[in-house]
C-alpha atoms as a PDB file:
ATOM      1  CA  MET A   1      63.421  36.587  96.413  1.00  0.00           C
ATOM      2  CA  PRO A   2      61.733  39.997  96.266  1.00  0.00           C
ATOM      3  CA  GLN A   3      59.631  40.900  93.252  1.00  0.00           C
ATOM      4  CA  TYR A   4      59.681  44.242  91.445  1.00  0.00           C
ATOM      5  CA  LEU A   5      57.323  45.975  89.080  1.00  0.00           C
ATOM      6  CA  VAL A   6      59.043  47.572  86.084  1.00  0.00           C
ATOM      7  CA  ALA A   7      56.315  49.754  84.557  1.00  0.00           C
ATOM      8  CA  ILE A   8      56.546  51.452  81.165  1.00  0.00           C
ATOM      9  CA  HIS A   9      54.917  54.891  81.012  1.00  0.00           C
ATOM     10  CA  HIS A  10      53.405  56.154  77.770  1.00  0.00           C
ATOM     11  CA  PRO A  11      52.128  59.647  77.053  1.00  0.00           C
ATOM     12  CA  ASP A  12      48.368  60.090  77.094  1.00  0.00           C
ATOM     13  CA  ASN A  13      48.225  60.224  73.283  1.00  0.00           C
ATOM     14  CA  TYR A  14      50.565  57.238  72.720  1.00  0.00           C
ATOM     15  CA  ASP A  15      50.150  55.605  69.322  1.00  0.00           C
ATOM     16  CA  PRO A  16      51.272  51.937  69.349  1.00  0.00           C
ATOM     17  CA  SER A  17      51.553  51.996  65.557  1.00  0.00           C
ATOM     18  CA  ALA A  18      54.643  54.200  66.040  1.00  0.00           C
ATOM     19  CA  GLU A  19      56.525  51.185  67.419  1.00  0.00           C
ATOM     20  CA  ASP A  20      58.937  50.276  64.636  1.00  0.00           C
ATOM     21  CA  GLU A  21      60.537  46.894  63.942  1.00  0.00           C
ATOM     22  CA  SER A  22      63.725  47.937  65.722  1.00  0.00           C
ATOM     23  CA  MET A  23      61.841  48.680  68.924  1.00  0.00           C
ATOM     24  CA  VAL A  24      59.937  45.394  68.751  1.00  0.00           C
ATOM     25  CA  ARG A  25      63.225  43.501  68.257  1.00  0.00           C
ATOM     26  CA  ASP A  26      64.783  45.316  71.244  1.00  0.00           C
ATOM     27  CA  ILE A  27      61.823  44.456  73.487  1.00  0.00           C
ATOM     28  CA  ASP A  28      61.847  40.815  72.303  1.00  0.00           C
ATOM     29  CA  ALA A  29      65.595  40.603  73.011  1.00  0.00           C
ATOM     30  CA  LEU A  30      65.083  42.080  76.481  1.00  0.00           C
ATOM     31  CA  ASN A  31      62.299  39.572  77.206  1.00  0.00           C
ATOM     32  CA  GLU A  32      64.581  36.733  76.141  1.00  0.00           C
ATOM     33  CA  GLU A  33      67.439  38.081  78.273  1.00  0.00           C
ATOM     34  CA  MET A  34      65.181  38.403  81.323  1.00  0.00           C
ATOM     35  CA  ALA A  35      63.834  34.875  80.836  1.00  0.00           C
ATOM     36  CA  ALA A  36      67.321  33.405  80.379  1.00  0.00           C
ATOM     37  CA  ALA A  37      68.481  35.124  83.585  1.00  0.00           C
ATOM     38  CA  GLY A  38      65.490  33.729  85.474  1.00  0.00           C
ATOM     39  CA  ALA A  39      64.343  37.261  86.310  1.00  0.00           C
ATOM     40  CA  ARG A  40      61.080  37.511  84.383  1.00  0.00           C
ATOM     41  CA  PHE A  41      58.075  36.309  86.358  1.00  0.00           C
ATOM     42  CA  PHE A  42      55.428  37.934  84.148  1.00  0.00           C
ATOM     43  CA  ALA A  43      55.244  40.560  81.415  1.00  0.00           C
ATOM     44  CA  GLY A  44      52.347  42.188  79.617  1.00  0.00           C
ATOM     45  CA  GLY A  45      51.177  45.180  77.664  1.00  0.00           C
ATOM     46  CA  LEU A  46      48.024  47.115  78.456  1.00  0.00           C
ATOM     47  CA  GLN A  47      45.328  48.648  76.278  1.00  0.00           C
ATOM     48  CA  SER A  48      45.533  52.441  76.143  1.00  0.00           C
ATOM     49  CA  ALA A  49      44.147  54.436  79.067  1.00  0.00           C
ATOM     50  CA  PRO A  50      40.894  55.498  77.340  1.00  0.00           C
ATOM     51  CA  HIS A  51      39.880  51.794  77.333  1.00  0.00           C
ATOM     52  CA  ALA A  52      40.148  51.596  81.138  1.00  0.00           C
ATOM     53  CA  LYS A  53      37.279  51.505  83.616  1.00  0.00           C
ATOM     54  CA  SER A  54      37.679  53.205  86.991  1.00  0.00           C
ATOM     55  CA  LEU A  55      35.739  52.074  90.029  1.00  0.00           C
ATOM     56  CA  ARG A  56      35.259  54.355  93.025  1.00  0.00           C
ATOM     57  CA  LYS A  57      33.595  53.448  96.288  1.00  0.00           C
ATOM     58  CA  GLN A  58      31.103  56.073  97.360  1.00  0.00           C
ATOM     59  CA  PRO A  59      29.857  56.874 100.852  1.00  0.00           C
ATOM     60  CA  GLY A  60      27.289  54.252 101.733  1.00  0.00           C
ATOM     61  CA  GLY A  61      29.169  51.484  99.913  1.00  0.00           C
ATOM     62  CA  GLN A  62      27.946  52.005  96.335  1.00  0.00           C
ATOM     63  CA  VAL A  63      30.620  51.623  93.640  1.00  0.00           C
ATOM     64  CA  VAL A  64      30.519  53.986  90.658  1.00  0.00           C
ATOM     65  CA  ILE A  65      32.121  52.917  87.365  1.00  0.00           C
ATOM     66  CA  THR A  66      33.408  55.533  84.922  1.00  0.00           C
ATOM     67  CA  ASP A  67      35.209  55.295  81.592  1.00  0.00           C
ATOM     68  CA  GLY A  68      38.904  56.053  81.484  1.00  0.00           C
ATOM     69  CA  PRO A  69      41.763  56.019  83.946  1.00  0.00           C
ATOM     70  CA  TYR A  70      41.366  56.837  87.630  1.00  0.00           C
ATOM     71  CA  LEU A  71      43.931  59.639  87.601  1.00  0.00           C
ATOM     72  CA  GLU A  72      43.965  62.648  85.308  1.00  0.00           C
ATOM     73  CA  THR A  73      47.597  62.529  84.146  1.00  0.00           C
ATOM     74  CA  LYS A  74      49.607  63.025  80.991  1.00  0.00           C
ATOM     75  CA  GLU A  75      51.176  59.542  81.224  1.00  0.00           C
ATOM     76  CA  HIS A  76      49.770  56.082  81.870  1.00  0.00           C
ATOM     77  CA  ILE A  77      51.198  52.608  82.329  1.00  0.00           C
ATOM     78  CA  GLY A  78      51.405  51.003  78.907  1.00  0.00           C
ATOM     79  CA  GLY A  79      52.974  47.701  79.921  1.00  0.00           C
ATOM     80  CA  PHE A  80      54.999  46.100  82.658  1.00  0.00           C
ATOM     81  CA  TRP A  81      57.217  43.292  83.859  1.00  0.00           C
ATOM     82  CA  ILE A  82      57.130  41.595  87.223  1.00  0.00           C
ATOM     83  CA  LEU A  83      60.666  40.503  87.988  1.00  0.00           C
ATOM     84  CA  ASP A  84      62.365  38.340  90.565  1.00  0.00           C
ATOM     85  CA  ALA A  85      65.453  40.301  91.592  1.00  0.00           C
ATOM     86  CA  ALA A  86      67.847  40.094  94.526  1.00  0.00           C
ATOM     87  CA  ASN A  87      67.452  43.800  95.355  1.00  0.00           C
ATOM     88  CA  MET A  88      66.451  47.221  94.018  1.00  0.00           C
ATOM     89  CA  ASP A  89      69.836  47.724  92.341  1.00  0.00           C
ATOM     90  CA  GLU A  90      69.356  44.590  90.245  1.00  0.00           C
ATOM     91  CA  ALA A  91      65.773  45.599  89.403  1.00  0.00           C
ATOM     92  CA  VAL A  92      66.952  49.083  88.343  1.00  0.00           C
ATOM     93  CA  LYS A  93      69.514  47.502  85.990  1.00  0.00           C
ATOM     94  CA  TRP A  94      66.621  45.730  84.252  1.00  0.00           C
ATOM     95  CA  GLY A  95      64.662  48.992  84.342  1.00  0.00           C
ATOM     96  CA  ARG A  96      67.464  50.774  82.475  1.00  0.00           C
ATOM     97  CA  LYS A  97      67.332  48.144  79.755  1.00  0.00           C
ATOM     98  CA  ALA A  98      63.536  48.438  79.617  1.00  0.00           C
ATOM     99  CA  ALA A  99      63.713  52.227  79.217  1.00  0.00           C
ATOM    100  CA  ALA A 100      66.176  51.817  76.344  1.00  0.00           C
ATOM    101  CA  ALA A 101      64.222  49.026  74.612  1.00  0.00           C
ATOM    102  CA  CYS A 102      60.826  50.703  74.984  1.00  0.00           C
ATOM    103  CA  ARG A 103      62.109  54.239  74.361  1.00  0.00           C
ATOM    104  CA  ALA A 104      59.944  55.351  77.291  1.00  0.00           C
ATOM    105  CA  SER A 105      60.020  56.337  80.941  1.00  0.00           C
ATOM    106  CA  VAL A 106      60.142  53.452  83.395  1.00  0.00           C
ATOM    107  CA  GLU A 107      59.211  53.142  87.056  1.00  0.00           C
ATOM    108  CA  VAL A 108      60.650  50.399  89.293  1.00  0.00           C
ATOM    109  CA  ARG A 109      58.861  49.507  92.544  1.00  0.00           C
ATOM    110  CA  GLU A 110      59.246  46.626  94.947  1.00  0.00           C
ATOM    111  CA  PHE A 111      56.191  44.588  95.847  1.00  0.00           C
ATOM    112  CA  LEU A 112      55.331  44.613  99.522  1.00  0.00           C
ATOM    113  CA  ALA A 113      56.384  41.408 101.229  1.00  0.00           C
ATOM    114  CA  MET A 114      53.327  39.592 102.511  1.00  0.00           C
ATOM    115  CA  PRO A 115      53.643  37.968 105.913  1.00  0.00           C
ATOM    116  CA  ARG A 116      53.771  34.194 105.775  1.00  0.00           C
ATOM    117  CA  GLU A 117      51.467  32.116 107.916  1.00  0.00           C
END
């Protein structure tokens, strides 16, 4: 079965303390629903973007490490699910529920199928 990333996008200045009890309950209920449906493979939240480290390969092979996210954007991934879903339509249905529960923008992307040996 294909796997899909359902990524939650937070604004650059996102404050996790703004997550009220209602939102936490909605996310918990969604996690339970995904698990009961056998769709949830993995789920996790991420530290805010300023806590990230970016690694860039330089000419000559050296790798430079800098503080913060790789891209200069106004939104960053704040958390995600990896789901087992029959197709993109099914994954998008979960994505809709995630957007409602998290009160945030969501991106749904299919993982590339790796060739089997």
